[in-house]
Amino acid sequence: MKVIKQPISEVLLFEPQVYPDVRGYFVVTYEKSIFARCGVKDEFTQDNYNCSEKGVIRGLHYQLPPKAQAKLIRVVKGAVYDVAVDIRKTSPTFGQHVAARLSAENKKMLFVPKGFAHGFCALEPETEVAYKVSGEYAPDHEGGVYWNDPALAIQWPKLDCDYILNDRDSVFPPLAKAEVFEK
Protein backbone atom coordinates (compact mmCIF):
# COMPACT_ATOMS: atom_id res chain seq x y z
CA MET A 1 0.00 0.00 0.00
CA LYS A 2 1.41 3.36 -1.02
CA VAL A 3 1.23 6.19 1.52
CA ILE A 4 1.07 9.70 0.10
CA LYS A 5 2.14 12.33 2.64
CA GLN A 6 -0.06 15.41 2.91
CA PRO A 7 0.69 19.05 3.82
CA ILE A 8 -0.59 18.29 7.33
CA SER A 9 1.49 15.27 8.35
CA GLU A 10 -1.13 13.54 10.50
CA VAL A 11 -3.54 13.26 7.55
CA LEU A 12 -2.56 10.41 5.25
CA LEU A 13 -3.67 9.43 1.76
CA PHE A 14 -3.45 5.72 1.09
CA GLU A 15 -3.32 4.18 -2.38
CA PRO A 16 -3.86 0.44 -2.07
CA GLN A 17 -2.44 -2.13 -4.46
CA VAL A 18 -5.04 -3.41 -6.93
CA TYR A 19 -4.78 -7.03 -8.05
CA PRO A 20 -6.74 -7.41 -11.31
CA ASP A 21 -7.47 -10.66 -13.10
CA VAL A 22 -10.11 -12.08 -15.45
CA ARG A 23 -12.70 -12.09 -12.63
CA GLY A 24 -12.29 -8.41 -11.77
CA TYR A 25 -9.93 -7.21 -9.04
CA PHE A 26 -8.99 -7.60 -5.37
CA VAL A 27 -7.93 -4.80 -2.99
CA VAL A 28 -6.89 -4.84 0.67
CA THR A 29 -8.44 -1.68 2.11
CA TYR A 30 -7.25 -2.07 5.68
CA GLU A 31 -4.42 -4.01 7.31
CA LYS A 32 -3.69 -3.05 10.90
CA SER A 33 0.09 -3.62 10.69
CA ILE A 34 0.50 -1.42 7.59
CA PHE A 35 -1.45 1.42 9.18
CA ALA A 36 0.48 1.05 12.46
CA ARG A 37 3.80 1.42 10.58
CA CYS A 38 2.43 4.74 9.26
CA GLY A 39 1.60 5.93 12.79
CA VAL A 40 -2.11 5.06 12.76
CA LYS A 41 -2.72 3.42 16.12
CA ASP A 42 -6.49 3.98 16.26
CA GLU A 43 -8.72 0.95 16.60
CA PHE A 44 -11.70 1.18 14.27
CA THR A 45 -14.92 0.21 16.04
CA GLN A 46 -17.68 1.15 13.60
CA ASP A 47 -18.19 1.11 9.84
CA ASN A 48 -20.45 3.69 8.18
CA TYR A 49 -21.84 3.89 4.67
CA ASN A 50 -23.74 6.61 2.85
CA CYS A 51 -25.07 7.41 -0.59
CA SER A 52 -25.14 11.01 -1.84
CA GLU A 53 -26.42 12.68 -4.96
CA LYS A 54 -24.12 14.89 -7.03
CA GLY A 55 -23.59 18.22 -5.26
CA VAL A 56 -24.32 16.93 -1.76
CA ILE A 57 -21.95 18.37 0.83
CA ARG A 58 -21.71 16.50 4.12
CA GLY A 59 -19.79 18.21 6.89
CA LEU A 60 -17.68 19.57 8.26
CA HIS A 61 -18.27 17.12 11.15
CA TYR A 62 -16.34 15.90 14.20
CA GLN A 63 -16.80 14.57 17.70
CA LEU A 64 -15.15 16.19 20.70
CA PRO A 65 -13.19 14.36 23.43
CA PRO A 66 -13.65 12.01 25.07
CA LYS A 67 -15.65 10.67 22.12
CA ALA A 68 -13.38 11.97 19.33
CA GLN A 69 -13.13 9.83 16.21
CA ALA A 70 -10.45 9.08 13.66
CA LYS A 71 -11.83 8.16 10.22
CA LEU A 72 -10.67 6.16 7.23
CA ILE A 73 -12.72 7.19 4.18
CA ARG A 74 -13.04 5.46 0.81
CA VAL A 75 -15.44 5.68 -2.12
CA VAL A 76 -17.20 2.55 -3.33
CA LYS A 77 -19.10 4.15 -6.22
CA GLY A 78 -18.65 7.58 -7.80
CA ALA A 79 -16.28 10.26 -6.49
CA VAL A 80 -15.93 12.89 -3.78
CA TYR A 81 -13.84 15.94 -3.00
CA ASP A 82 -12.83 15.01 0.55
CA VAL A 83 -11.65 17.56 3.12
CA ALA A 84 -10.00 17.35 6.57
CA VAL A 85 -9.65 20.58 8.60
CA ASP A 86 -7.28 20.83 11.59
CA ILE A 87 -9.37 22.03 14.55
CA ARG A 88 -6.70 21.51 17.25
CA LYS A 89 -6.40 24.99 18.73
CA THR A 90 -2.72 24.59 19.76
CA SER A 91 -1.63 23.02 16.47
CA PRO A 92 0.67 24.98 14.13
CA THR A 93 -1.69 23.96 11.30
CA PHE A 94 -4.91 25.02 13.11
CA GLY A 95 -7.51 26.08 10.54
CA GLN A 96 -5.60 24.59 7.62
CA HIS A 97 -6.99 21.75 5.54
CA VAL A 98 -6.07 18.86 3.31
CA ALA A 99 -8.25 17.93 0.34
CA ALA A 100 -8.16 14.92 -1.96
CA ARG A 101 -10.24 13.44 -4.73
CA LEU A 102 -11.35 9.97 -3.72
CA SER A 103 -13.13 7.78 -6.22
CA ALA A 104 -14.19 4.22 -6.91
CA GLU A 105 -11.79 4.38 -9.84
CA ASN A 106 -8.64 5.57 -8.02
CA LYS A 107 -9.44 3.57 -4.83
CA LYS A 108 -7.53 6.10 -2.68
CA MET A 109 -8.44 6.38 1.00
CA LEU A 110 -8.03 9.34 3.34
CA PHE A 111 -7.12 8.87 7.00
CA VAL A 112 -8.50 11.73 9.10
CA PRO A 113 -7.12 11.70 12.67
CA LYS A 114 -8.86 12.85 15.83
CA GLY A 115 -8.81 16.63 16.09
CA PHE A 116 -9.94 17.23 12.51
CA ALA A 117 -13.30 18.18 11.06
CA HIS A 118 -14.25 16.12 8.02
CA GLY A 119 -16.53 16.70 5.07
CA PHE A 120 -16.95 15.96 1.39
CA CYS A 121 -18.76 16.98 -1.77
CA ALA A 122 -20.21 14.25 -4.00
CA LEU A 123 -18.94 14.76 -7.54
CA GLU A 124 -21.14 12.16 -9.25
CA PRO A 125 -24.75 10.96 -8.91
CA GLU A 126 -25.37 8.20 -6.35
CA THR A 127 -21.87 8.38 -4.89
CA GLU A 128 -21.35 5.76 -2.18
CA VAL A 129 -18.87 6.36 0.63
CA ALA A 130 -17.72 3.79 3.20
CA TYR A 131 -15.70 4.79 6.22
CA LYS A 132 -14.34 3.34 9.40
CA VAL A 133 -14.42 5.33 12.63
CA SER A 134 -12.51 4.78 15.85
CA GLY A 135 -15.50 5.45 18.10
CA GLU A 136 -19.22 5.05 18.06
CA TYR A 137 -21.52 7.95 17.28
CA ALA A 138 -22.04 10.14 20.36
CA PRO A 139 -24.56 12.93 19.62
CA ASP A 140 -23.73 14.78 22.86
CA HIS A 141 -20.14 15.23 21.62
CA GLU A 142 -20.72 16.10 17.97
CA GLY A 143 -19.65 19.38 16.49
CA GLY A 144 -19.33 21.06 13.17
CA VAL A 145 -17.78 23.93 11.26
CA TYR A 146 -19.51 25.85 8.48
CA TRP A 147 -18.56 24.13 5.22
CA ASN A 148 -17.88 27.38 3.36
CA ASP A 149 -16.20 29.42 6.12
CA PRO A 150 -14.08 31.99 4.20
CA ALA A 151 -11.32 31.67 6.83
CA LEU A 152 -10.78 28.03 5.76
CA ALA A 153 -10.33 28.92 2.07
CA ILE A 154 -11.56 25.50 0.92
CA GLN A 155 -11.76 25.46 -2.87
CA TRP A 156 -14.92 23.38 -3.23
CA PRO A 157 -15.32 22.05 -6.78
CA LYS A 158 -17.45 24.00 -9.20
CA LEU A 159 -20.26 21.76 -10.39
CA ASP A 160 -22.98 22.02 -13.01
CA CYS A 161 -25.58 21.83 -10.22
CA ASP A 162 -26.32 23.53 -6.90
CA TYR A 163 -24.77 22.31 -3.66
CA ILE A 164 -27.17 20.35 -1.45
CA LEU A 165 -26.86 20.50 2.36
CA ASN A 166 -29.11 19.40 5.17
CA ASP A 167 -30.39 21.99 7.65
CA ARG A 168 -27.84 21.11 10.34
CA ASP A 169 -24.77 21.34 8.10
CA SER A 170 -25.87 24.67 6.62
CA VAL A 171 -25.94 26.42 10.03
CA PHE A 172 -22.74 25.21 11.68
CA PRO A 173 -20.67 28.12 13.05
CA PRO A 174 -17.46 29.36 11.41
CA LEU A 175 -14.26 27.93 12.88
CA ALA A 176 -13.67 31.09 14.97
CA LYS A 177 -16.92 30.42 16.87
CA ALA A 178 -16.94 26.62 16.90
CA GLU A 179 -16.11 24.44 19.88
CA VAL A 180 -12.77 22.89 18.97
CA PHE A 181 -10.04 20.66 20.40
CA GLU A 182 -8.12 22.53 23.09
CA LYS A 183 -5.04 20.26 22.92
Foldseek 3Di string as FASTA:
>chain_A
DDWDAWPPRVKIKDQWDWAQDPVGIDTDLDDQVVVVVSVDPFDFDDKDKDWDFAQEKDFQKFFAPPQTKKKKKAWQAAKKWKKKAQQAVPDPRHLEMTTDIHHNVRRMIMIHGGRIGIMIGGHHGGIMMMMTMRGDDDVVGMAGAAPPQVSSVDPHDDHPDHHDYDPVNNPGYHSVPIDGHHD
